[in-house]
Amino acid sequence: MSKIKIILILGIWVAILPYLGFPYSFKNILFSITGLVFISIGYLLYREQIIEGKIEKKTFDNFSENNNFEEIKIGKEYTNEDNKEQI
């Protein structure tokens, strides 16, 4: 059975579970188990998407906010966001 069909069946299960007449404690356990199954299937689907190359892993440069600074030379004019200054 494919993972998409399992998700569909679990969705129907979650929709009808409150009306089945189980005691609250047993119902809470069933909802918890169903949620864990949803999480595991979701993770497996995500991992398959990464393996197939549909989702790329993102890497971030540390201190990337500092890469826009230019070297300021003495005597040259530079532009500040608020005003122009001469060093």
C-alpha atoms as a PDB file:
ATOM      1  CA  MET A   1       0.000   0.000   0.000  1.00  0.00           C
ATOM      2  CA  SER A   2       1.430   3.371  -0.948  1.00  0.00           C
ATOM      3  CA  LYS A   3       2.144   6.026   1.631  1.00  0.00           C
ATOM      4  CA  ILE A   4      -0.404   8.387   0.079  1.00  0.00           C
ATOM      5  CA  LYS A   5      -3.177   5.799   0.532  1.00  0.00           C
ATOM      6  CA  ILE A   6      -2.105   5.258   4.146  1.00  0.00           C
ATOM      7  CA  ILE A   7      -2.326   9.007   4.768  1.00  0.00           C
ATOM      8  CA  LEU A   8      -5.805   9.057   3.221  1.00  0.00           C
ATOM      9  CA  ILE A   9      -6.980   6.166   5.412  1.00  0.00           C
ATOM     10  CA  LEU A  10      -5.456   7.759   8.523  1.00  0.00           C
ATOM     11  CA  GLY A  11      -7.203  11.021   7.695  1.00  0.00           C
ATOM     12  CA  ILE A  12     -10.546   9.226   7.496  1.00  0.00           C
ATOM     13  CA  TRP A  13      -9.687   7.429  10.760  1.00  0.00           C
ATOM     14  CA  VAL A  14      -9.006  10.723  12.522  1.00  0.00           C
ATOM     15  CA  ALA A  15     -12.265  12.157  11.176  1.00  0.00           C
ATOM     16  CA  ILE A  16     -14.442   9.309  12.487  1.00  0.00           C
ATOM     17  CA  LEU A  17     -12.526   8.443  15.676  1.00  0.00           C
ATOM     18  CA  PRO A  18     -14.352  10.941  17.955  1.00  0.00           C
ATOM     19  CA  TYR A  19     -17.713   9.372  17.040  1.00  0.00           C
ATOM     20  CA  LEU A  20     -16.818   5.713  17.657  1.00  0.00           C
ATOM     21  CA  GLY A  21     -17.629   5.709  21.382  1.00  0.00           C
ATOM     22  CA  PHE A  22     -14.229   4.822  22.805  1.00  0.00           C
ATOM     23  CA  PRO A  23     -13.433   5.977  26.345  1.00  0.00           C
ATOM     24  CA  TYR A  24     -11.464   9.246  26.508  1.00  0.00           C
ATOM     25  CA  SER A  25      -8.240   7.659  27.729  1.00  0.00           C
ATOM     26  CA  PHE A  26      -8.278   5.034  24.970  1.00  0.00           C
ATOM     27  CA  LYS A  27      -9.230   7.684  22.403  1.00  0.00           C
ATOM     28  CA  ASN A  28      -6.268   9.834  23.469  1.00  0.00           C
ATOM     29  CA  ILE A  29      -3.930   6.874  23.020  1.00  0.00           C
ATOM     30  CA  LEU A  30      -5.340   6.187  19.543  1.00  0.00           C
ATOM     31  CA  PHE A  31      -4.945   9.837  18.531  1.00  0.00           C
ATOM     32  CA  SER A  32      -1.335   9.811  19.778  1.00  0.00           C
ATOM     33  CA  ILE A  33      -0.479   6.643  17.868  1.00  0.00           C
ATOM     34  CA  THR A  34      -2.135   8.021  14.734  1.00  0.00           C
ATOM     35  CA  GLY A  35      -0.136  11.248  15.054  1.00  0.00           C
ATOM     36  CA  LEU A  36       3.115   9.316  15.393  1.00  0.00           C
ATOM     37  CA  VAL A  37       2.271   7.335  12.258  1.00  0.00           C
ATOM     38  CA  PHE A  38       1.554  10.600  10.415  1.00  0.00           C
ATOM     39  CA  ILE A  39       4.918  11.992  11.535  1.00  0.00           C
ATOM     40  CA  SER A  40       6.855   8.899  10.461  1.00  0.00           C
ATOM     41  CA  ILE A  41       5.180   8.718   7.038  1.00  0.00           C
ATOM     42  CA  GLY A  42       5.712  12.443   6.513  1.00  0.00           C
ATOM     43  CA  TYR A  43       9.396  12.061   7.332  1.00  0.00           C
ATOM     44  CA  LEU A  44       9.732   9.107   4.950  1.00  0.00           C
ATOM     45  CA  LEU A  45       8.067  11.084   2.157  1.00  0.00           C
ATOM     46  CA  TYR A  46      10.374  14.055   2.841  1.00  0.00           C
ATOM     47  CA  ARG A  47      13.436  11.805   2.749  1.00  0.00           C
ATOM     48  CA  GLU A  48      12.320  10.289  -0.573  1.00  0.00           C
ATOM     49  CA  GLN A  49      11.892  13.787  -2.030  1.00  0.00           C
ATOM     50  CA  ILE A  50      15.463  14.670  -1.018  1.00  0.00           C
ATOM     51  CA  ILE A  51      16.837  11.463  -2.531  1.00  0.00           C
ATOM     52  CA  GLU A  52      14.988  12.105  -5.804  1.00  0.00           C
ATOM     53  CA  GLY A  53      16.409  15.619  -5.895  1.00  0.00           C
ATOM     54  CA  LYS A  54      13.093  17.474  -5.752  1.00  0.00           C
ATOM     55  CA  ILE A  55      14.115  19.210  -2.510  1.00  0.00           C
ATOM     56  CA  GLU A  56      17.598  20.653  -2.170  1.00  0.00           C
ATOM     57  CA  LYS A  57      19.373  20.876   1.129  1.00  0.00           C
ATOM     58  CA  LYS A  58      20.069  24.492   1.937  1.00  0.00           C
ATOM     59  CA  THR A  59      23.399  25.531   3.340  1.00  0.00           C
ATOM     60  CA  PHE A  60      23.928  28.900   4.901  1.00  0.00           C
ATOM     61  CA  ASP A  61      27.133  30.881   5.108  1.00  0.00           C
ATOM     62  CA  ASN A  62      27.986  32.001   8.588  1.00  0.00           C
ATOM     63  CA  PHE A  63      28.005  35.756   9.007  1.00  0.00           C
ATOM     64  CA  SER A  64      26.531  36.235   5.540  1.00  0.00           C
ATOM     65  CA  GLU A  65      25.173  39.633   6.592  1.00  0.00           C
ATOM     66  CA  ASN A  66      28.756  40.927   6.634  1.00  0.00           C
ATOM     67  CA  ASN A  67      29.578  40.186   3.002  1.00  0.00           C
ATOM     68  CA  ASN A  68      28.246  43.505   1.620  1.00  0.00           C
ATOM     69  CA  PHE A  69      30.858  45.714   3.282  1.00  0.00           C
ATOM     70  CA  GLU A  70      33.329  47.400   1.020  1.00  0.00           C
ATOM     71  CA  GLU A  71      36.778  48.454   2.058  1.00  0.00           C
ATOM     72  CA  ILE A  72      36.785  52.166   2.769  1.00  0.00           C
ATOM     73  CA  LYS A  73      39.906  53.986   1.649  1.00  0.00           C
ATOM     74  CA  ILE A  74      40.967  57.167   3.373  1.00  0.00           C
ATOM     75  CA  GLY A  75      40.198  60.252   1.273  1.00  0.00           C
ATOM     76  CA  LYS A  76      37.555  58.528  -0.830  1.00  0.00           C
ATOM     77  CA  GLU A  77      33.881  59.351  -0.702  1.00  0.00           C
ATOM     78  CA  TYR A  78      31.506  56.638   0.366  1.00  0.00           C
ATOM     79  CA  THR A  79      27.746  56.468   0.603  1.00  0.00           C
ATOM     80  CA  ASN A  80      26.038  55.823   3.884  1.00  0.00           C
ATOM     81  CA  GLU A  81      22.319  55.069   3.910  1.00  0.00           C
ATOM     82  CA  ASP A  82      21.579  58.287   5.792  1.00  0.00           C
ATOM     83  CA  ASN A  83      24.090  60.754   4.282  1.00  0.00           C
ATOM     84  CA  LYS A  84      27.317  61.138   2.334  1.00  0.00           C
ATOM     85  CA  GLU A  85      30.473  61.620   4.319  1.00  0.00           C
ATOM     86  CA  GLN A  86      34.061  62.391   3.459  1.00  0.00           C
ATOM     87  CA  ILE A  87      36.816  60.691   5.417  1.00  0.00           C
END
